[in-house]
PDB file of N, CA and C in Angstrom:
ATOM      1  N   MET A   1     -18.991 -22.143 -13.123  1.00  0.00           N
ATOM      2  CA  MET A   1     -20.170 -21.334 -12.904  1.00  0.00           C
ATOM      3  C   MET A   1     -19.790 -19.858 -12.853  1.00  0.00           C
ATOM      4  N   GLY A   2     -20.659 -19.030 -13.340  1.00  0.00           N
ATOM      5  CA  GLY A   2     -20.423 -17.605 -13.336  1.00  0.00           C
ATOM      6  C   GLY A   2     -20.986 -16.938 -12.090  1.00  0.00           C
ATOM      7  N   TYR A   3     -20.566 -15.732 -11.875  1.00  0.00           N
ATOM      8  CA  TYR A   3     -21.008 -14.950 -10.724  1.00  0.00           C
ATOM      9  C   TYR A   3     -21.319 -13.535 -11.180  1.00  0.00           C
ATOM     10  N   ARG A   4     -22.354 -12.964 -10.583  1.00  0.00           N
ATOM     11  CA  ARG A   4     -22.687 -11.562 -10.823  1.00  0.00           C
ATOM     12  C   ARG A   4     -22.522 -10.827  -9.506  1.00  0.00           C
ATOM     13  N   VAL A   5     -21.940  -9.638  -9.586  1.00  0.00           N
ATOM     14  CA  VAL A   5     -21.724  -8.815  -8.397  1.00  0.00           C
ATOM     15  C   VAL A   5     -22.492  -7.520  -8.582  1.00  0.00           C
ATOM     16  N   ARG A   6     -23.334  -7.218  -7.602  1.00  0.00           N
ATOM     17  CA  ARG A   6     -24.141  -5.997  -7.641  1.00  0.00           C
ATOM     18  C   ARG A   6     -23.525  -4.981  -6.686  1.00  0.00           C
ATOM     19  N   THR A   7     -23.110  -3.845  -7.248  1.00  0.00           N
ATOM     20  CA  THR A   7     -22.528  -2.753  -6.475  1.00  0.00           C
ATOM     21  C   THR A   7     -23.461  -1.542  -6.596  1.00  0.00           C
ATOM     22  N   PRO A   8     -23.229  -0.495  -5.818  1.00  0.00           N
ATOM     23  CA  PRO A   8     -24.050   0.705  -5.978  1.00  0.00           C
ATOM     24  C   PRO A   8     -23.935   1.318  -7.380  1.00  0.00           C
ATOM     25  N   GLU A   9     -22.826   1.064  -8.072  1.00  0.00           N
ATOM     26  CA  GLU A   9     -22.621   1.617  -9.411  1.00  0.00           C
ATOM     27  C   GLU A   9     -23.248   0.764 -10.512  1.00  0.00           C
ATOM     28  N   GLY A  10     -23.595  -0.489 -10.206  1.00  0.00           N
ATOM     29  CA  GLY A  10     -24.168  -1.372 -11.212  1.00  0.00           C
ATOM     30  C   GLY A  10     -23.760  -2.810 -10.976  1.00  0.00           C
ATOM     31  N   GLU A  11     -23.914  -3.633 -12.019  1.00  0.00           N
ATOM     32  CA  GLU A  11     -23.594  -5.055 -11.912  1.00  0.00           C
ATOM     33  C   GLU A  11     -22.399  -5.411 -12.796  1.00  0.00           C
ATOM     34  N   LEU A  12     -21.619  -6.373 -12.312  1.00  0.00           N
ATOM     35  CA  LEU A  12     -20.483  -6.893 -13.069  1.00  0.00           C
ATOM     36  C   LEU A  12     -20.589  -8.414 -13.097  1.00  0.00           C
ATOM     37  N   ALA A  13     -20.140  -9.023 -14.184  1.00  0.00           N
ATOM     38  CA  ALA A  13     -20.144 -10.478 -14.303  1.00  0.00           C
ATOM     39  C   ALA A  13     -18.717 -10.993 -14.234  1.00  0.00           C
ATOM     40  N   TYR A  14     -18.528 -12.097 -13.517  1.00  0.00           N
ATOM     41  CA  TYR A  14     -17.219 -12.742 -13.382  1.00  0.00           C
ATOM     42  C   TYR A  14     -17.394 -14.224 -13.721  1.00  0.00           C
ATOM     43  N   PRO A  15     -16.438 -14.799 -14.454  1.00  0.00           N
ATOM     44  CA  PRO A  15     -16.589 -16.201 -14.857  1.00  0.00           C
ATOM     45  C   PRO A  15     -16.406 -17.201 -13.710  1.00  0.00           C
ATOM     46  N   THR A  16     -15.564 -16.885 -12.723  1.00  0.00           N
ATOM     47  CA  THR A  16     -15.312 -17.821 -11.625  1.00  0.00           C
ATOM     48  C   THR A  16     -15.284 -17.077 -10.294  1.00  0.00           C
ATOM     49  N   LEU A  17     -15.377 -17.856  -9.216  1.00  0.00           N
ATOM     50  CA  LEU A  17     -15.283 -17.266  -7.884  1.00  0.00           C
ATOM     51  C   LEU A  17     -13.878 -16.720  -7.642  1.00  0.00           C
ATOM     52  N   ARG A  18     -12.875 -17.333  -8.241  1.00  0.00           N
ATOM     53  CA  ARG A  18     -11.498 -16.837  -8.107  1.00  0.00           C
ATOM     54  C   ARG A  18     -11.379 -15.422  -8.675  1.00  0.00           C
ATOM     55  N   ASP A  19     -12.051 -15.156  -9.787  1.00  0.00           N
ATOM     56  CA  ASP A  19     -12.042 -13.808 -10.361  1.00  0.00           C
ATOM     57  C   ASP A  19     -12.715 -12.810  -9.427  1.00  0.00           C
ATOM     58  N   VAL A  20     -13.791 -13.243  -8.772  1.00  0.00           N
ATOM     59  CA  VAL A  20     -14.466 -12.375  -7.795  1.00  0.00           C
ATOM     60  C   VAL A  20     -13.523 -12.123  -6.619  1.00  0.00           C
ATOM     61  N   GLU A  21     -12.791 -13.155  -6.200  1.00  0.00           N
ATOM     62  CA  GLU A  21     -11.858 -13.013  -5.083  1.00  0.00           C
ATOM     63  C   GLU A  21     -10.739 -12.029  -5.415  1.00  0.00           C
ATOM     64  N   VAL A  22     -10.204 -12.107  -6.634  1.00  0.00           N
ATOM     65  CA  VAL A  22      -9.157 -11.175  -7.056  1.00  0.00           C
ATOM     66  C   VAL A  22      -9.700  -9.743  -7.055  1.00  0.00           C
ATOM     67  N   ALA A  23     -10.916  -9.559  -7.555  1.00  0.00           N
ATOM     68  CA  ALA A  23     -11.539  -8.234  -7.558  1.00  0.00           C
ATOM     69  C   ALA A  23     -11.784  -7.748  -6.131  1.00  0.00           C
ATOM     70  N   TYR A  24     -12.099  -8.669  -5.234  1.00  0.00           N
ATOM     71  CA  TYR A  24     -12.327  -8.328  -3.827  1.00  0.00           C
ATOM     72  C   TYR A  24     -11.033  -7.844  -3.180  1.00  0.00           C
ATOM     73  N   VAL A  25      -9.944  -8.559  -3.428  1.00  0.00           N
ATOM     74  CA  VAL A  25      -8.645  -8.181  -2.862  1.00  0.00           C
ATOM     75  C   VAL A  25      -8.195  -6.829  -3.412  1.00  0.00           C
ATOM     76  N   GLN A  26      -8.481  -6.567  -4.682  1.00  0.00           N
ATOM     77  CA  GLN A  26      -8.073  -5.307  -5.304  1.00  0.00           C
ATOM     78  C   GLN A  26      -8.992  -4.147  -4.924  1.00  0.00           C
ATOM     79  N   GLY A  27     -10.092  -4.427  -4.243  1.00  0.00           N
ATOM     80  CA  GLY A  27     -10.999  -3.368  -3.819  1.00  0.00           C
ATOM     81  C   GLY A  27     -12.095  -3.051  -4.820  1.00  0.00           C
ATOM     82  N   LEU A  28     -12.190  -3.821  -5.905  1.00  0.00           N
ATOM     83  CA  LEU A  28     -13.261  -3.595  -6.880  1.00  0.00           C
ATOM     84  C   LEU A  28     -14.593  -4.104  -6.360  1.00  0.00           C
ATOM     85  N   VAL A  29     -14.538  -5.123  -5.520  1.00  0.00           N
ATOM     86  CA  VAL A  29     -15.728  -5.663  -4.870  1.00  0.00           C
ATOM     87  C   VAL A  29     -15.575  -5.385  -3.381  1.00  0.00           C
ATOM     88  N   GLU A  30     -16.559  -4.709  -2.812  1.00  0.00           N
ATOM     89  CA  GLU A  30     -16.540  -4.345  -1.400  1.00  0.00           C
ATOM     90  C   GLU A  30     -17.242  -5.420  -0.570  1.00  0.00           C
ATOM     91  N   PRO A  31     -16.965  -5.492   0.737  1.00  0.00           N
ATOM     92  CA  PRO A  31     -17.614  -6.493   1.580  1.00  0.00           C
ATOM     93  C   PRO A  31     -19.145  -6.389   1.586  1.00  0.00           C
ATOM     94  N   ASN A  32     -19.696  -5.194   1.397  1.00  0.00           N
ATOM     95  CA  ASN A  32     -21.149  -5.029   1.416  1.00  0.00           C
ATOM     96  C   ASN A  32     -21.805  -5.236   0.054  1.00  0.00           C
ATOM     97  N   ASP A  33     -21.016  -5.432  -1.005  1.00  0.00           N
ATOM     98  CA  ASP A  33     -21.589  -5.704  -2.323  1.00  0.00           C
ATOM     99  C   ASP A  33     -22.248  -7.077  -2.305  1.00  0.00           C
ATOM    100  N   GLU A  34     -23.226  -7.254  -3.186  1.00  0.00           N
ATOM    101  CA  GLU A  34     -23.971  -8.511  -3.224  1.00  0.00           C
ATOM    102  C   GLU A  34     -23.493  -9.385  -4.380  1.00  0.00           C
ATOM    103  N   VAL A  35     -23.427 -10.698  -4.126  1.00  0.00           N
ATOM    104  CA  VAL A  35     -22.930 -11.660  -5.104  1.00  0.00           C
ATOM    105  C   VAL A  35     -24.015 -12.696  -5.363  1.00  0.00           C
ATOM    106  N   LEU A  36     -24.211 -13.017  -6.648  1.00  0.00           N
ATOM    107  CA  LEU A  36     -25.184 -14.029  -7.055  1.00  0.00           C
ATOM    108  C   LEU A  36     -24.487 -15.058  -7.925  1.00  0.00           C
ATOM    109  N   GLU A  37     -24.559 -16.324  -7.508  1.00  0.00           N
ATOM    110  CA  GLU A  37     -23.990 -17.410  -8.297  1.00  0.00           C
ATOM    111  C   GLU A  37     -25.008 -17.829  -9.346  1.00  0.00           C
ATOM    112  N   ASP A  38     -24.527 -18.088 -10.573  1.00  0.00           N
ATOM    113  CA  ASP A  38     -25.431 -18.529 -11.637  1.00  0.00           C
ATOM    114  C   ASP A  38     -26.174 -19.781 -11.188  1.00  0.00           C
ATOM    115  N   GLY A  39     -27.476 -19.819 -11.445  1.00  0.00           N
ATOM    116  CA  GLY A  39     -28.302 -20.953 -11.053  1.00  0.00           C
ATOM    117  C   GLY A  39     -28.947 -20.786  -9.695  1.00  0.00           C
ATOM    118  N   HIS A  40     -28.586 -19.745  -8.963  1.00  0.00           N
ATOM    119  CA  HIS A  40     -29.175 -19.472  -7.652  1.00  0.00           C
ATOM    120  C   HIS A  40     -30.016 -18.203  -7.741  1.00  0.00           C
ATOM    121  N   SER A  41     -30.899 -18.030  -6.761  1.00  0.00           N
ATOM    122  CA  SER A  41     -31.765 -16.853  -6.784  1.00  0.00           C
ATOM    123  C   SER A  41     -31.509 -15.909  -5.611  1.00  0.00           C
ATOM    124  N   THR A  42     -30.619 -16.285  -4.703  1.00  0.00           N
ATOM    125  CA  THR A  42     -30.376 -15.491  -3.503  1.00  0.00           C
ATOM    126  C   THR A  42     -29.076 -14.713  -3.619  1.00  0.00           C
ATOM    127  N   TRP A  43     -29.184 -13.390  -3.475  1.00  0.00           N
ATOM    128  CA  TRP A  43     -27.995 -12.533  -3.433  1.00  0.00           C
ATOM    129  C   TRP A  43     -27.398 -12.623  -2.037  1.00  0.00           C
ATOM    130  N   ARG A  44     -26.079 -12.725  -1.948  1.00  0.00           N
ATOM    131  CA  ARG A  44     -25.389 -12.789  -0.659  1.00  0.00           C
ATOM    132  C   ARG A  44     -24.365 -11.668  -0.577  1.00  0.00           C
ATOM    133  N   LYS A  45     -24.165 -11.163   0.636  1.00  0.00           N
ATOM    134  CA  LYS A  45     -23.118 -10.165   0.849  1.00  0.00           C
ATOM    135  C   LYS A  45     -21.768 -10.829   0.582  1.00  0.00           C
ATOM    136  N   ALA A  46     -20.863 -10.099  -0.041  1.00  0.00           N
ATOM    137  CA  ALA A  46     -19.545 -10.645  -0.366  1.00  0.00           C
ATOM    138  C   ALA A  46     -18.831 -11.123   0.895  1.00  0.00           C
ATOM    139  N   SER A  47     -18.992 -10.405   1.989  1.00  0.00           N
ATOM    140  CA  SER A  47     -18.304 -10.776   3.231  1.00  0.00           C
ATOM    141  C   SER A  47     -18.844 -12.063   3.831  1.00  0.00           C
ATOM    142  N   SER A  48     -20.026 -12.541   3.398  1.00  0.00           N
ATOM    143  CA  SER A  48     -20.590 -13.775   3.946  1.00  0.00           C
ATOM    144  C   SER A  48     -20.152 -15.015   3.168  1.00  0.00           C
ATOM    145  N   ILE A  49     -19.458 -14.841   2.058  1.00  0.00           N
ATOM    146  CA  ILE A  49     -18.971 -15.972   1.279  1.00  0.00           C
ATOM    147  C   ILE A  49     -17.606 -16.360   1.844  1.00  0.00           C
ATOM    148  N   PRO A  50     -17.439 -17.619   2.283  1.00  0.00           N
ATOM    149  CA  PRO A  50     -16.198 -18.012   2.972  1.00  0.00           C
ATOM    150  C   PRO A  50     -14.917 -17.716   2.188  1.00  0.00           C
ATOM    151  N   ALA A  51     -14.897 -17.977   0.901  1.00  0.00           N
ATOM    152  CA  ALA A  51     -13.677 -17.729   0.119  1.00  0.00           C
ATOM    153  C   ALA A  51     -13.326 -16.247   0.102  1.00  0.00           C
ATOM    154  N   LEU A  52     -14.314 -15.385   0.085  1.00  0.00           N
ATOM    155  CA  LEU A  52     -14.062 -13.949   0.083  1.00  0.00           C
ATOM    156  C   LEU A  52     -13.749 -13.446   1.489  1.00  0.00           C
ATOM    157  N   ALA A  53     -14.386 -14.057   2.494  1.00  0.00           N
ATOM    158  CA  ALA A  53     -14.126 -13.640   3.876  1.00  0.00           C
ATOM    159  C   ALA A  53     -12.673 -13.933   4.255  1.00  0.00           C
ATOM    160  N   ARG A  54     -12.097 -15.014   3.690  1.00  0.00           N
ATOM    161  CA  ARG A  54     -10.687 -15.337   3.966  1.00  0.00           C
ATOM    162  C   ARG A  54      -9.739 -14.423   3.202  1.00  0.00           C
ATOM    163  N   ALA A  55     -10.189 -13.923   2.063  1.00  0.00           N
ATOM    164  CA  ALA A  55      -9.349 -13.020   1.262  1.00  0.00           C
ATOM    165  C   ALA A  55      -9.222 -11.703   2.001  1.00  0.00           C
ATOM    166  N   ARG A  56      -8.050 -11.126   1.945  1.00  0.00           N
ATOM    167  CA  ARG A  56      -7.804  -9.877   2.657  1.00  0.00           C
ATOM    168  C   ARG A  56      -7.801  -8.721   1.679  1.00  0.00           C
ATOM    169  N   PRO A  57      -8.774  -7.817   1.789  1.00  0.00           N
ATOM    170  CA  PRO A  57      -8.741  -6.657   0.898  1.00  0.00           C
ATOM    171  C   PRO A  57      -7.525  -5.793   1.178  1.00  0.00           C
ATOM    172  N   GLU A  58      -7.090  -5.042   0.166  1.00  0.00           N
ATOM    173  CA  GLU A  58      -5.952  -4.154   0.335  1.00  0.00           C
ATOM    174  C   GLU A  58      -6.226  -3.144   1.436  1.00  0.00           C
ATOM    175  N   SER A  59      -5.194  -2.854   2.188  1.00  0.00           N
ATOM    176  CA  SER A  59      -5.332  -1.906   3.285  1.00  0.00           C
ATOM    177  C   SER A  59      -5.594  -0.513   2.749  1.00  0.00           C
ATOM    178  N   LYS A  60      -6.413   0.193   3.492  1.00  0.00           N
ATOM    179  CA  LYS A  60      -6.691   1.585   3.139  1.00  0.00           C
ATOM    180  C   LYS A  60      -6.247   2.463   4.295  1.00  0.00           C
ATOM    181  N   GLY A  61      -6.093   3.705   4.056  1.00  0.00           N
ATOM    182  CA  GLY A  61      -5.694   4.626   5.105  1.00  0.00           C
ATOM    183  C   GLY A  61      -4.216   4.512   5.417  1.00  0.00           C
ATOM    184  N   LEU A  62      -3.845   4.781   6.664  1.00  0.00           N
ATOM    185  CA  LEU A  62      -2.438   4.792   7.060  1.00  0.00           C
ATOM    186  C   LEU A  62      -1.805   3.415   6.914  1.00  0.00           C
ATOM    187  N   ALA A  63      -2.546   2.346   7.218  1.00  0.00           N
ATOM    188  CA  ALA A  63      -1.995   0.992   7.107  1.00  0.00           C
ATOM    189  C   ALA A  63      -1.632   0.663   5.664  1.00  0.00           C
ATOM    190  N   GLY A  64      -2.331   1.218   4.699  1.00  0.00           N
ATOM    191  CA  GLY A  64      -2.036   0.972   3.299  1.00  0.00           C
ATOM    192  C   GLY A  64      -0.876   1.792   2.778  1.00  0.00           C
ATOM    193  N   ARG A  65      -0.410   2.749   3.555  1.00  0.00           N
ATOM    194  CA  ARG A  65       0.666   3.642   3.120  1.00  0.00           C
ATOM    195  C   ARG A  65       2.004   3.314   3.765  1.00  0.00           C
ATOM    196  N   THR A  66       2.109   2.187   4.435  1.00  0.00           N
ATOM    197  CA  THR A  66       3.350   1.882   5.145  1.00  0.00           C
ATOM    198  C   THR A  66       4.524   1.734   4.198  1.00  0.00           C
ATOM    199  N   GLN A  67       4.293   1.218   3.009  1.00  0.00           N
ATOM    200  CA  GLN A  67       5.395   1.061   2.062  1.00  0.00           C
ATOM    201  C   GLN A  67       5.919   2.434   1.632  1.00  0.00           C
ATOM    202  N   ILE A  68       5.028   3.346   1.330  1.00  0.00           N
ATOM    203  CA  ILE A  68       5.439   4.686   0.923  1.00  0.00           C
ATOM    204  C   ILE A  68       6.180   5.382   2.063  1.00  0.00           C
ATOM    205  N   LEU A  69       5.656   5.240   3.273  1.00  0.00           N
ATOM    206  CA  LEU A  69       6.315   5.864   4.424  1.00  0.00           C
ATOM    207  C   LEU A  69       7.688   5.251   4.673  1.00  0.00           C
ATOM    208  N   SER A  70       7.817   3.945   4.473  1.00  0.00           N
ATOM    209  CA  SER A  70       9.118   3.299   4.655  1.00  0.00           C
ATOM    210  C   SER A  70      10.129   3.791   3.627  1.00  0.00           C
ATOM    211  N   VAL A  71       9.712   3.950   2.398  1.00  0.00           N
ATOM    212  CA  VAL A  71      10.615   4.448   1.353  1.00  0.00           C
ATOM    213  C   VAL A  71      11.032   5.890   1.666  1.00  0.00           C
ATOM    214  N   LEU A  72      10.085   6.712   2.072  1.00  0.00           N
ATOM    215  CA  LEU A  72      10.418   8.100   2.428  1.00  0.00           C
ATOM    216  C   LEU A  72      11.386   8.150   3.611  1.00  0.00           C
ATOM    217  N   ALA A  73      11.171   7.284   4.607  1.00  0.00           N
ATOM    218  CA  ALA A  73      12.084   7.238   5.753  1.00  0.00           C
ATOM    219  C   ALA A  73      13.483   6.830   5.300  1.00  0.00           C
ATOM    220  N   ALA A  74      13.568   5.880   4.368  1.00  0.00           N
ATOM    221  CA  ALA A  74      14.870   5.447   3.862  1.00  0.00           C
ATOM    222  C   ALA A  74      15.572   6.585   3.123  1.00  0.00           C
ATOM    223  N   VAL A  75      14.826   7.360   2.359  1.00  0.00           N
ATOM    224  CA  VAL A  75      15.420   8.493   1.636  1.00  0.00           C
ATOM    225  C   VAL A  75      15.950   9.536   2.625  1.00  0.00           C
ATOM    226  N   VAL A  76      15.168   9.818   3.658  1.00  0.00           N
ATOM    227  CA  VAL A  76      15.597  10.796   4.665  1.00  0.00           C
ATOM    228  C   VAL A  76      16.837  10.287   5.404  1.00  0.00           C
ATOM    229  N   LEU A  77      16.819   9.002   5.786  1.00  0.00           N
ATOM    230  CA  LEU A  77      17.992   8.435   6.461  1.00  0.00           C
ATOM    231  C   LEU A  77      19.219   8.465   5.554  1.00  0.00           C
ATOM    232  N   GLY A  78      19.031   8.143   4.286  1.00  0.00           N
ATOM    233  CA  GLY A  78      20.154   8.158   3.347  1.00  0.00           C
ATOM    234  C   GLY A  78      20.734   9.543   3.145  1.00  0.00           C
ATOM    235  N   ALA A  79      19.849  10.544   3.012  1.00  0.00           N
ATOM    236  CA  ALA A  79      20.321  11.921   2.832  1.00  0.00           C
ATOM    237  C   ALA A  79      21.054  12.409   4.084  1.00  0.00           C
ATOM    238  N   GLY A  80      20.488  12.083   5.242  1.00  0.00           N
ATOM    239  CA  GLY A  80      21.138  12.475   6.490  1.00  0.00           C
ATOM    240  C   GLY A  80      22.484  11.787   6.666  1.00  0.00           C
ATOM    241  N   ALA A  81      22.533  10.499   6.336  1.00  0.00           N
ATOM    242  CA  ALA A  81      23.791   9.753   6.444  1.00  0.00           C
ATOM    243  C   ALA A  81      24.846  10.331   5.512  1.00  0.00           C
ATOM    244  N   LEU A  82      24.465  10.643   4.291  1.00  0.00           N
ATOM    245  CA  LEU A  82      25.414  11.210   3.329  1.00  0.00           C
ATOM    246  C   LEU A  82      25.957  12.554   3.812  1.00  0.00           C
ATOM    247  N   ALA A  83      25.063  13.398   4.316  1.00  0.00           N
ATOM    248  CA  ALA A  83      25.500  14.713   4.805  1.00  0.00           C
ATOM    249  C   ALA A  83      26.455  14.575   5.983  1.00  0.00           C
ATOM    250  N   LEU A  84      26.160  13.637   6.896  1.00  0.00           N
ATOM    251  CA  LEU A  84      27.036  13.460   8.056  1.00  0.00           C
ATOM    252  C   LEU A  84      28.366  12.821   7.680  1.00  0.00           C
ATOM    253  N   ILE A  85      28.358  11.880   6.764  1.00  0.00           N
ATOM    254  CA  ILE A  85      29.599  11.216   6.356  1.00  0.00           C
ATOM    255  C   ILE A  85      30.532  12.195   5.654  1.00  0.00           C
ATOM    256  N   MET A  86      29.994  13.163   4.957  1.00  0.00           N
ATOM    257  CA  MET A  86      30.821  14.132   4.230  1.00  0.00           C
ATOM    258  C   MET A  86      31.343  15.265   5.119  1.00  0.00           C
ATOM    259  N   SER A  87      30.962  15.278   6.399  1.00  0.00           N
ATOM    260  CA  SER A  87      31.428  16.343   7.284  1.00  0.00           C
ATOM    261  C   SER A  87      32.889  16.100   7.696  1.00  0.00           C
ATOM    262  N   ASP A  88      33.486  17.100   8.341  1.00  0.00           N
ATOM    263  CA  ASP A  88      34.892  17.026   8.742  1.00  0.00           C
ATOM    264  C   ASP A  88      35.079  16.360  10.100  1.00  0.00           C
ATOM    265  N   SER A  89      34.037  16.235  10.866  1.00  0.00           N
ATOM    266  CA  SER A  89      34.128  15.706  12.226  1.00  0.00           C
ATOM    267  C   SER A  89      33.958  14.178  12.236  1.00  0.00           C
ATOM    268  N   TRP A  90      34.892  13.479  12.907  1.00  0.00           N
ATOM    269  CA  TRP A  90      34.815  12.020  12.968  1.00  0.00           C
ATOM    270  C   TRP A  90      33.591  11.523  13.732  1.00  0.00           C
ATOM    271  N   PRO A  91      33.172  12.166  14.827  1.00  0.00           N
ATOM    272  CA  PRO A  91      31.948  11.700  15.489  1.00  0.00           C
ATOM    273  C   PRO A  91      30.716  11.804  14.574  1.00  0.00           C
ATOM    274  N   ARG A  92      30.659  12.865  13.768  1.00  0.00           N
ATOM    275  CA  ARG A  92      29.540  13.002  12.822  1.00  0.00           C
ATOM    276  C   ARG A  92      29.613  11.922  11.741  1.00  0.00           C
ATOM    277  N   ARG A  93      30.819  11.616  11.293  1.00  0.00           N
ATOM    278  CA  ARG A  93      30.966  10.555  10.290  1.00  0.00           C
ATOM    279  C   ARG A  93      30.496   9.215  10.858  1.00  0.00           C
ATOM    280  N   GLY A  94      30.829   8.971  12.115  1.00  0.00           N
ATOM    281  CA  GLY A  94      30.379   7.734  12.775  1.00  0.00           C
ATOM    282  C   GLY A  94      28.859   7.662  12.847  1.00  0.00           C
ATOM    283  N   LEU A  95      28.236   8.814  13.197  1.00  0.00           N
ATOM    284  CA  LEU A  95      26.772   8.861  13.231  1.00  0.00           C
ATOM    285  C   LEU A  95      26.198   8.647  11.828  1.00  0.00           C
ATOM    286  N   GLY A  96      26.870   9.179  10.817  1.00  0.00           N
ATOM    287  CA  GLY A  96      26.423   8.972   9.435  1.00  0.00           C
ATOM    288  C   GLY A  96      26.467   7.506   9.039  1.00  0.00           C
ATOM    289  N   ILE A  97      27.502   6.803   9.491  1.00  0.00           N
ATOM    290  CA  ILE A  97      27.607   5.368   9.200  1.00  0.00           C
ATOM    291  C   ILE A  97      26.487   4.601   9.900  1.00  0.00           C
ATOM    292  N   VAL A  98      26.177   4.987  11.130  1.00  0.00           N
ATOM    293  CA  VAL A  98      25.073   4.345  11.853  1.00  0.00           C
ATOM    294  C   VAL A  98      23.745   4.586  11.120  1.00  0.00           C
ATOM    295  N   LEU A  99      23.528   5.806  10.649  1.00  0.00           N
ATOM    296  CA  LEU A  99      22.300   6.093   9.892  1.00  0.00           C
ATOM    297  C   LEU A  99      22.250   5.297   8.593  1.00  0.00           C
ATOM    298  N   ALA A 100      23.395   5.144   7.935  1.00  0.00           N
ATOM    299  CA  ALA A 100      23.442   4.351   6.702  1.00  0.00           C
ATOM    300  C   ALA A 100      23.105   2.888   6.985  1.00  0.00           C
ATOM    301  N   LEU A 101      23.587   2.361   8.082  1.00  0.00           N
ATOM    302  CA  LEU A 101      23.250   0.991   8.468  1.00  0.00           C
ATOM    303  C   LEU A 101      21.758   0.853   8.782  1.00  0.00           C
ATOM    304  N   ALA A 102      21.203   1.844   9.467  1.00  0.00           N
ATOM    305  CA  ALA A 102      19.766   1.822   9.763  1.00  0.00           C
ATOM    306  C   ALA A 102      18.957   1.845   8.468  1.00  0.00           C
ATOM    307  N   MET A 103      19.404   2.645   7.505  1.00  0.00           N
ATOM    308  CA  MET A 103      18.717   2.697   6.213  1.00  0.00           C
ATOM    309  C   MET A 103      18.788   1.344   5.510  1.00  0.00           C
ATOM    310  N   SER A 104      19.930   0.684   5.570  1.00  0.00           N
ATOM    311  CA  SER A 104      20.058  -0.611   4.896  1.00  0.00           C
ATOM    312  C   SER A 104      19.159  -1.661   5.553  1.00  0.00           C
ATOM    313  N   VAL A 105      19.032  -1.619   6.872  1.00  0.00           N
ATOM    314  CA  VAL A 105      18.126  -2.548   7.561  1.00  0.00           C
ATOM    315  C   VAL A 105      16.676  -2.276   7.143  1.00  0.00           C
ATOM    316  N   LEU A 106      16.302  -1.016   7.089  1.00  0.00           N
ATOM    317  CA  LEU A 106      14.943  -0.644   6.691  1.00  0.00           C
ATOM    318  C   LEU A 106      14.649  -1.106   5.265  1.00  0.00           C
ATOM    319  N   LEU A 107      15.561  -0.886   4.352  1.00  0.00           N
ATOM    320  CA  LEU A 107      15.351  -1.297   2.963  1.00  0.00           C
ATOM    321  C   LEU A 107      15.333  -2.821   2.815  1.00  0.00           C
ATOM    322  N   THR A 108      16.122  -3.533   3.623  1.00  0.00           N
ATOM    323  CA  THR A 108      16.108  -4.995   3.585  1.00  0.00           C
ATOM    324  C   THR A 108      14.752  -5.527   4.045  1.00  0.00           C
ATOM    325  N   ARG A 109      14.225  -4.976   5.120  1.00  0.00           N
ATOM    326  CA  ARG A 109      12.900  -5.399   5.610  1.00  0.00           C
ATOM    327  C   ARG A 109      11.816  -5.068   4.592  1.00  0.00           C
ATOM    328  N   LEU A 110      11.890  -3.898   3.989  1.00  0.00           N
ATOM    329  CA  LEU A 110      10.910  -3.477   2.998  1.00  0.00           C
ATOM    330  C   LEU A 110      10.932  -4.419   1.793  1.00  0.00           C
ATOM    331  N   THR A 111      12.119  -4.788   1.344  1.00  0.00           N
ATOM    332  CA  THR A 111      12.249  -5.701   0.208  1.00  0.00           C
ATOM    333  C   THR A 111      11.718  -7.090   0.556  1.00  0.00           C
ATOM    334  N   ALA A 112      12.008  -7.569   1.746  1.00  0.00           N
ATOM    335  CA  ALA A 112      11.518  -8.887   2.161  1.00  0.00           C
ATOM    336  C   ALA A 112       9.995  -8.906   2.237  1.00  0.00           C
ATOM    337  N   LYS A 113       9.391  -7.854   2.768  1.00  0.00           N
ATOM    338  CA  LYS A 113       7.928  -7.786   2.841  1.00  0.00           C
ATOM    339  C   LYS A 113       7.312  -7.741   1.447  1.00  0.00           C
ATOM    340  N   ALA A 114       7.901  -6.979   0.560  1.00  0.00           N
ATOM    341  CA  ALA A 114       7.375  -6.878  -0.801  1.00  0.00           C
ATOM    342  C   ALA A 114       7.490  -8.212  -1.525  1.00  0.00           C
ATOM    343  N   HIS A 115       8.546  -8.955  -1.246  1.00  0.00           N
ATOM    344  CA  HIS A 115       8.733 -10.257  -1.888  1.00  0.00           C
ATOM    345  C   HIS A 115       7.714 -11.280  -1.387  1.00  0.00           C
ATOM    346  N   LYS A 116       7.301 -11.179  -0.124  1.00  0.00           N
ATOM    347  CA  LYS A 116       6.342 -12.120   0.459  1.00  0.00           C
ATOM    348  C   LYS A 116       4.912 -11.863   0.034  1.00  0.00           C
ATOM    349  N   ARG A 117       4.600 -10.648  -0.407  1.00  0.00           N
ATOM    350  CA  ARG A 117       3.228 -10.318  -0.794  1.00  0.00           C
ATOM    351  C   ARG A 117       2.822 -11.095  -2.025  1.00  0.00           C
ATOM    352  N   PRO A 118       1.556 -11.530  -2.101  1.00  0.00           N
ATOM    353  CA  PRO A 118       1.091 -12.223  -3.312  1.00  0.00           C
ATOM    354  C   PRO A 118       1.162 -11.291  -4.523  1.00  0.00           C
ATOM    355  N   ALA A 119       1.309 -11.881  -5.692  1.00  0.00           N
ATOM    356  CA  ALA A 119       1.439 -11.088  -6.923  1.00  0.00           C
ATOM    357  C   ALA A 119       0.228 -10.207  -7.148  1.00  0.00           C
ATOM    358  N   SER A 120      -0.958 -10.644  -6.728  1.00  0.00           N
ATOM    359  CA  SER A 120      -2.163  -9.838  -6.962  1.00  0.00           C
ATOM    360  C   SER A 120      -2.151  -8.543  -6.170  1.00  0.00           C
ATOM    361  N   GLN A 121      -1.360  -8.469  -5.078  1.00  0.00           N
ATOM    362  CA  GLN A 121      -1.301  -7.252  -4.293  1.00  0.00           C
ATOM    363  C   GLN A 121      -0.116  -6.378  -4.656  1.00  0.00           C
ATOM    364  N   ARG A 122       0.803  -6.860  -5.499  1.00  0.00           N
ATOM    365  CA  ARG A 122       1.977  -6.063  -5.867  1.00  0.00           C
ATOM    366  C   ARG A 122       1.673  -5.063  -6.960  1.00  0.00           C
ATOM    367  N   ASP A 123       0.671  -5.289  -7.766  1.00  0.00           N
ATOM    368  CA  ASP A 123       0.384  -4.420  -8.917  1.00  0.00           C
ATOM    369  C   ASP A 123      -0.181  -3.096  -8.507  1.00  0.00           C
TER     370      ASP A 123
END
């Protein structure tokens, strides 16, 4: 069965509910947009459809930028570690090694989180 989605910009047609769900996760369909299943006459809010309510839309705002912030933190830690390791003082070199280890832990966690995300959210 097909589905039509009515947004403030207009209407879109989707062949299956799974396609509507993918569009919902990607942010193309908002929770307040209306969805009509072929053969029915009642428009429903996207957020009231159980399959869409379970789907998690992509994060917006600061929560959606955690990956970028993590990468920037890793770059800063790496640059700081490199600068400290290249210094003449052994205590500074030790601190540089600690920063390098912290960067490796951060990058390992970032990679693990990215690997766990569904393919539809990685693009």
